[in-house]
Amino acid sequence: MSPGERGSGKPLIVAAIPCFNEERFIGSVVLKAKKHVDRVIVVDDGCTDGSAEIAASAGATVFRHECNQGVGAATRTAMRKAREMGADIMVRLDGDGQHDADEIPKVIAPILRGEADVVVGSRFLAGKERPPLFRRIGQRVLTATTNIGSGTRIRDSQSGFRAFSAKALEKLDLGEDGFSVESEMQFAISRSGLKVVEVPIAVIYAERAKRNPVGHGLSVLSRVLVLLSLRQPMVLFGVPGLLLLGGGLFLGMRVLDIYDRTSVLAIGTFLTGILLCLMGVLALFAAVMLQSMKELLRSQWERFRRAAEEEQ
């Protein structure tokens, strides 16, 4: 359904809420979101409690996953359903009450003004409540890693409160099932040439975290590093390889200088230099091989895409 087909010309705004066992909060989140959007969809990601029934009673359209697949899979389902509805804007927020649905107008405003394709609600902009210290540390590490790998700078790369234009819904191609989908989205935004802006949001941390923060953070970081190795191998392996090789060569020159002055071979420094050089060469080799594979796969994909277009 397009805006013209709806007759009013008013943009169709859909709120999407991935949900896994949030029966305490999902009803109030849906009711608050309904005040600001045209449709609310809830993706029941294999809930084993009454979340789906409560969401439906509150007025949401519920789509069910038979088993828990992860927030990334739920986000993909929500984006697909929003496209099928003809949504001009989809705003995604969490179902645990952490996000204030009354801030939806603020989050979608840059898209309505034509200033952005994707809007990220940031917890770290001035004047807003900040997460607990241990969460901030982990989020800073993940954000820095994601920013370096994607080439797109965002203050809060892990925020789940986001809005997407119809263009973004069409262009974003996501594959991650878990919480690393936020970082993958940043890579996809950069690759698709979409414009992203951030707006400040408030967050509510009234409940104890469901997952162990350390384990959760390391799990997401490992997936971000995988994304980085696949998309930016020269950054992940090439830069450290050059630094290691440079450090090894520096130590080698130092060994020569010591021997020239004292006629003594600094065995420890010599062996350390060799080890650094070997590690640097291996890292550079990995970077070149992964980059070559990336370019080969890209060329094969482009050839396949052009062939498919010609057949049509």
Protein backbone atom coordinates (compact mmCIF):
# COMPACT_ATOMS: atom_id res chain seq x y z
CA MET A 1 0.00 0.00 0.00
CA SER A 2 1.50 3.34 -1.02
CA PRO A 3 0.66 6.77 0.43
CA GLY A 4 -1.27 7.60 -2.73
CA GLU A 5 -3.33 4.43 -2.43
CA ARG A 6 -4.28 5.44 1.12
CA GLY A 7 -5.71 8.61 -0.32
CA SER A 8 -4.72 11.09 2.39
CA GLY A 9 -1.07 11.47 1.40
CA LYS A 10 -0.22 11.14 5.09
CA PRO A 11 2.82 8.91 5.72
CA LEU A 12 2.06 5.49 7.17
CA ILE A 13 4.04 5.09 10.38
CA VAL A 14 4.48 1.64 11.91
CA ALA A 15 5.93 0.83 15.34
CA ALA A 16 7.69 -2.54 15.52
CA ILE A 17 8.45 -4.25 18.80
CA PRO A 18 10.56 -7.44 18.97
CA CYS A 19 9.37 -9.35 22.03
CA PHE A 20 10.56 -12.33 24.04
CA ASN A 21 8.76 -12.99 27.35
CA GLU A 22 7.86 -9.39 28.22
CA GLU A 23 4.33 -9.88 29.55
CA ARG A 24 4.93 -7.38 32.37
CA PHE A 25 5.63 -4.50 29.99
CA ILE A 26 4.47 -5.26 26.45
CA GLY A 27 0.87 -4.12 26.96
CA SER A 28 1.80 -0.65 28.19
CA VAL A 29 4.46 -0.26 25.49
CA VAL A 30 1.92 -1.08 22.77
CA LEU A 31 -0.70 1.28 24.24
CA LYS A 32 1.75 4.18 24.43
CA ALA A 33 3.11 3.52 20.94
CA LYS A 34 -0.41 3.48 19.45
CA LYS A 35 -0.81 7.15 20.36
CA HIS A 36 1.94 8.13 17.93
CA VAL A 37 1.74 5.68 15.01
CA ASP A 38 -0.80 4.21 12.61
CA ARG A 39 0.00 0.53 13.24
CA VAL A 40 1.82 -1.41 15.93
CA ILE A 41 3.33 -4.79 15.13
CA VAL A 42 4.83 -7.12 17.71
CA VAL A 43 7.13 -9.95 16.70
CA ASP A 44 6.60 -12.76 19.19
CA ASP A 45 10.06 -14.33 19.11
CA GLY A 46 9.06 -17.69 20.57
CA CYS A 47 7.54 -16.32 23.78
CA THR A 48 6.59 -18.89 26.42
CA ASP A 49 4.51 -16.49 28.54
CA GLY A 50 1.43 -14.40 27.76
CA SER A 51 3.23 -11.63 25.85
CA ALA A 52 1.58 -12.34 22.50
CA GLU A 53 -1.96 -12.40 23.92
CA ILE A 54 -1.40 -9.22 25.91
CA ALA A 55 0.06 -7.43 22.89
CA ALA A 56 -2.87 -8.46 20.71
CA SER A 57 -5.36 -7.35 23.40
CA ALA A 58 -3.62 -3.96 23.53
CA GLY A 59 -4.18 -3.52 19.79
CA ALA A 60 -0.98 -4.79 18.16
CA THR A 61 -0.76 -7.06 15.14
CA VAL A 62 1.30 -10.03 16.31
CA PHE A 63 3.60 -12.11 14.10
CA ARG A 64 4.97 -15.26 15.68
CA HIS A 65 8.26 -17.13 15.47
CA GLU A 66 7.75 -20.74 16.48
CA CYS A 67 10.99 -20.70 18.47
CA ASN A 68 13.28 -18.01 19.83
CA GLN A 69 15.54 -16.87 16.99
CA GLY A 70 16.99 -13.66 18.43
CA VAL A 71 16.37 -9.95 18.21
CA GLY A 72 18.10 -9.73 14.83
CA ALA A 73 15.73 -12.28 13.30
CA ALA A 74 12.77 -10.49 14.91
CA THR A 75 13.98 -7.19 13.46
CA ARG A 76 14.19 -8.69 9.97
CA THR A 77 10.63 -10.01 10.31
CA ALA A 78 9.43 -6.61 11.49
CA MET A 79 11.10 -4.84 8.56
CA ARG A 80 9.64 -7.30 6.07
CA LYS A 81 6.13 -6.91 7.49
CA ALA A 82 6.48 -3.12 7.52
CA ARG A 83 7.46 -3.18 3.83
CA GLU A 84 4.47 -5.39 3.04
CA MET A 85 2.21 -2.89 4.81
CA GLY A 86 3.64 -0.09 2.69
CA ALA A 87 5.12 1.73 5.69
CA ASP A 88 6.75 5.07 4.99
CA ILE A 89 8.46 4.96 8.40
CA MET A 90 9.08 2.09 10.78
CA VAL A 91 10.19 2.86 14.31
CA ARG A 92 11.61 -0.01 16.34
CA LEU A 93 11.71 -0.05 20.12
CA ASP A 94 12.19 -2.65 22.83
CA GLY A 95 9.29 -4.42 24.51
CA ASP A 96 10.74 -4.33 28.04
CA GLY A 97 9.73 -0.76 28.84
CA GLN A 98 13.30 0.50 28.58
CA HIS A 99 12.32 2.99 25.87
CA ASP A 100 9.71 5.71 26.31
CA ALA A 101 7.24 5.34 23.44
CA ASP A 102 6.21 8.96 23.95
CA GLU A 103 9.56 9.87 22.36
CA ILE A 104 8.55 8.27 19.05
CA PRO A 105 7.68 11.68 17.48
CA LYS A 106 11.19 12.92 18.31
CA VAL A 107 12.83 9.83 16.79
CA ILE A 108 10.88 9.92 13.53
CA ALA A 109 11.05 13.72 13.10
CA PRO A 110 14.32 13.82 11.07
CA ILE A 111 12.86 11.35 8.55
CA LEU A 112 9.65 13.37 8.25
CA ARG A 113 11.76 16.46 7.56
CA GLY A 114 13.74 14.59 4.91
CA GLU A 115 16.99 14.92 6.87
CA ALA A 116 17.74 11.22 7.40
CA ASP A 117 17.06 7.69 6.21
CA VAL A 118 17.85 6.14 9.61
CA VAL A 119 17.52 7.75 13.04
CA VAL A 120 19.22 6.30 16.11
CA GLY A 121 18.00 7.20 19.58
CA SER A 122 21.17 7.84 21.55
CA ARG A 123 21.54 7.33 25.29
CA PHE A 124 24.79 9.28 25.34
CA LEU A 125 23.82 12.70 24.05
CA ALA A 126 23.93 15.58 26.52
CA GLY A 127 21.23 15.97 29.13
CA LYS A 128 19.93 12.41 29.15
CA GLU A 129 20.05 9.70 31.81
CA ARG A 130 22.98 7.40 31.21
CA PRO A 131 23.13 3.61 31.61
CA PRO A 132 24.96 2.08 34.60
CA LEU A 133 28.77 2.25 34.48
CA PHE A 134 29.39 -1.39 33.51
CA ARG A 135 26.96 -1.04 30.60
CA ARG A 136 28.55 2.21 29.45
CA ILE A 137 32.00 0.64 29.35
CA GLY A 138 30.82 -2.30 27.28
CA GLN A 139 28.77 -0.12 24.97
CA ARG A 140 31.71 2.24 24.41
CA VAL A 141 33.94 -0.67 23.38
CA LEU A 142 31.32 -2.05 21.00
CA THR A 143 30.59 1.40 19.58
CA ALA A 144 34.27 2.19 18.98
CA THR A 145 34.83 -1.17 17.26
CA THR A 146 31.71 -0.76 15.13
CA ASN A 147 32.57 2.81 14.18
CA ILE A 148 36.09 1.85 13.08
CA GLY A 149 34.87 -1.10 11.05
CA SER A 150 31.87 0.53 9.40
CA GLY A 151 33.38 3.94 8.73
CA THR A 152 30.19 5.53 10.09
CA ARG A 153 30.41 7.33 13.42
CA ILE A 154 27.51 6.87 15.84
CA ARG A 155 27.60 7.74 19.54
CA ASP A 156 25.36 4.82 20.53
CA SER A 157 25.76 1.96 18.08
CA GLN A 158 23.89 -0.50 20.31
CA SER A 159 20.67 1.46 20.76
CA GLY A 160 17.50 -0.47 19.96
CA PHE A 161 15.31 2.64 19.57
CA ARG A 162 15.56 3.44 15.85
CA ALA A 163 13.49 4.72 12.94
CA PHE A 164 13.78 3.75 9.28
CA SER A 165 12.46 5.37 6.14
CA ALA A 166 10.88 3.30 3.35
CA LYS A 167 14.17 3.65 1.46
CA ALA A 168 16.12 2.23 4.41
CA LEU A 169 13.65 -0.64 4.84
CA GLU A 170 14.22 -1.54 1.21
CA LYS A 171 18.00 -1.20 1.17
CA LEU A 172 19.10 -2.65 4.50
CA ASP A 173 20.07 -6.28 4.03
CA LEU A 174 20.64 -7.88 7.43
CA GLY A 175 21.71 -11.40 8.33
CA GLU A 176 22.59 -11.40 12.04
CA ASP A 177 20.11 -13.15 14.35
CA GLY A 178 21.34 -11.90 17.73
CA PHE A 179 22.09 -8.55 19.35
CA SER A 180 24.96 -7.87 16.95
CA VAL A 181 22.28 -6.82 14.44
CA GLU A 182 22.71 -3.24 15.68
CA SER A 183 26.35 -3.24 14.64
CA GLU A 184 25.59 -5.07 11.39
CA MET A 185 23.03 -2.37 10.65
CA GLN A 186 25.75 0.25 10.87
CA PHE A 187 27.87 -1.65 8.34
CA ALA A 188 24.81 -1.95 6.08
CA ILE A 189 24.01 1.77 6.44
CA SER A 190 27.52 2.66 5.33
CA ARG A 191 27.46 0.18 2.45
CA SER A 192 24.06 1.43 1.21
CA GLY A 193 24.94 5.11 1.39
CA LEU A 194 22.05 5.89 3.73
CA LYS A 195 22.06 9.04 5.82
CA VAL A 196 21.92 8.47 9.58
CA VAL A 197 21.42 10.97 12.42
CA GLU A 198 21.09 10.61 16.19
CA VAL A 199 18.63 12.17 18.59
CA PRO A 200 18.79 12.08 22.39
CA ILE A 201 16.49 9.64 24.19
CA ALA A 202 15.88 8.68 27.80
CA VAL A 203 16.25 5.11 29.04
CA ILE A 204 14.79 3.31 32.04
CA TYR A 205 16.84 0.60 33.74
CA ALA A 206 14.32 -0.46 36.35
CA GLU A 207 14.89 -4.17 35.87
CA ARG A 208 17.98 -6.28 36.39
CA ALA A 209 19.59 -7.34 33.12
CA LYS A 210 18.28 -10.69 31.86
CA ARG A 211 21.69 -11.69 30.47
CA ASN A 212 25.11 -11.67 32.08
CA PRO A 213 26.51 -8.31 30.92
CA VAL A 214 30.07 -9.62 30.46
CA GLY A 215 29.02 -12.70 28.51
CA HIS A 216 26.53 -10.68 26.47
CA GLY A 217 29.11 -8.01 25.65
CA LEU A 218 31.78 -10.54 24.64
CA SER A 219 29.28 -12.40 22.46
CA VAL A 220 28.32 -9.22 20.61
CA LEU A 221 31.96 -8.12 20.33
CA SER A 222 32.94 -11.47 18.80
CA ARG A 223 30.25 -11.08 16.14
CA VAL A 224 31.30 -7.48 15.47
CA LEU A 225 34.87 -8.68 14.91
CA VAL A 226 33.58 -11.33 12.50
CA LEU A 227 31.67 -8.62 10.61
CA LEU A 228 34.78 -6.49 10.60
CA SER A 229 36.95 -9.32 9.29
CA LEU A 230 34.49 -10.02 6.49
CA ARG A 231 33.91 -6.43 5.46
CA GLN A 232 37.13 -4.64 6.42
CA PRO A 233 39.91 -7.25 6.56
CA MET A 234 42.60 -4.68 5.83
CA VAL A 235 41.52 -2.75 8.94
CA LEU A 236 41.29 -5.75 11.27
CA PHE A 237 44.43 -7.58 10.08
CA GLY A 238 46.37 -5.18 7.85
CA VAL A 239 46.84 -2.32 10.29
CA PRO A 240 47.93 -4.53 13.23
CA GLY A 241 50.14 -6.47 10.81
CA LEU A 242 51.97 -3.32 9.76
CA LEU A 243 52.35 -2.24 13.39
CA LEU A 244 53.75 -5.64 14.40
CA LEU A 245 56.11 -5.72 11.43
CA GLY A 246 57.25 -2.18 12.17
CA GLY A 247 57.86 -3.06 15.82
CA GLY A 248 59.87 -6.13 14.83
CA LEU A 249 62.03 -4.16 12.42
CA PHE A 250 62.61 -1.50 15.06
CA LEU A 251 63.82 -4.13 17.52
CA GLY A 252 66.02 -5.61 14.81
CA MET A 253 67.68 -2.23 14.26
CA ARG A 254 68.11 -1.89 18.01
CA VAL A 255 69.84 -5.29 18.15
CA LEU A 256 72.24 -4.18 15.41
CA ASP A 257 72.92 -0.92 17.23
CA ILE A 258 73.67 -2.74 20.52
CA TYR A 259 75.96 -5.21 18.74
CA ASP A 260 77.77 -2.40 16.93
CA ARG A 261 78.45 -0.60 20.22
CA THR A 262 79.15 -3.53 22.55
CA SER A 263 79.81 -6.57 20.30
CA VAL A 264 77.11 -8.33 22.37
CA LEU A 265 74.09 -9.94 20.71
CA ALA A 266 70.91 -9.05 22.61
CA ILE A 267 69.29 -12.48 22.32
CA GLY A 268 66.01 -11.57 24.04
CA THR A 269 65.44 -8.47 21.92
CA PHE A 270 66.51 -10.37 18.80
CA LEU A 271 63.99 -13.18 19.39
CA THR A 272 61.23 -10.73 20.26
CA GLY A 273 61.88 -8.84 17.03
CA ILE A 274 61.71 -12.05 14.98
CA LEU A 275 58.45 -13.04 16.67
CA LEU A 276 56.88 -9.64 15.96
CA CYS A 277 58.00 -9.77 12.32
CA LEU A 278 56.53 -13.24 11.87
CA MET A 279 53.23 -12.20 13.46
CA GLY A 280 53.12 -9.08 11.30
CA VAL A 281 53.76 -11.02 8.09
CA LEU A 282 51.07 -13.58 8.98
CA ALA A 283 48.56 -10.82 9.76
CA LEU A 284 49.32 -9.06 6.48
CA PHE A 285 48.99 -12.35 4.60
CA ALA A 286 45.59 -12.95 6.22
CA ALA A 287 44.50 -9.42 5.31
CA VAL A 288 45.49 -9.82 1.65
CA MET A 289 43.83 -13.24 1.36
CA LEU A 290 40.58 -12.11 2.99
CA GLN A 291 40.49 -8.93 0.90
CA SER A 292 41.03 -10.98 -2.26
CA MET A 293 38.21 -13.34 -1.29
CA LYS A 294 35.96 -10.40 -0.54
CA GLU A 295 36.62 -8.84 -3.95
CA LEU A 296 36.12 -12.18 -5.69
CA LEU A 297 32.78 -12.78 -3.98
CA ARG A 298 31.71 -9.21 -4.74
CA SER A 299 32.52 -9.59 -8.45
CA GLN A 300 30.69 -12.93 -8.59
CA TRP A 301 27.66 -11.38 -6.90
CA GLU A 302 27.64 -8.45 -9.31
CA ARG A 303 27.86 -10.85 -12.26
CA PHE A 304 24.96 -12.88 -10.86
CA ARG A 305 22.89 -9.73 -10.25
CA ARG A 306 23.45 -8.41 -13.78
CA ALA A 307 22.54 -11.79 -15.25
CA ALA A 308 19.32 -11.86 -13.22
CA GLU A 309 18.44 -8.33 -14.37
CA GLU A 310 19.05 -9.24 -18.02
CA GLU A 311 16.76 -12.28 -17.72
CA GLN A 312 13.99 -10.05 -16.40
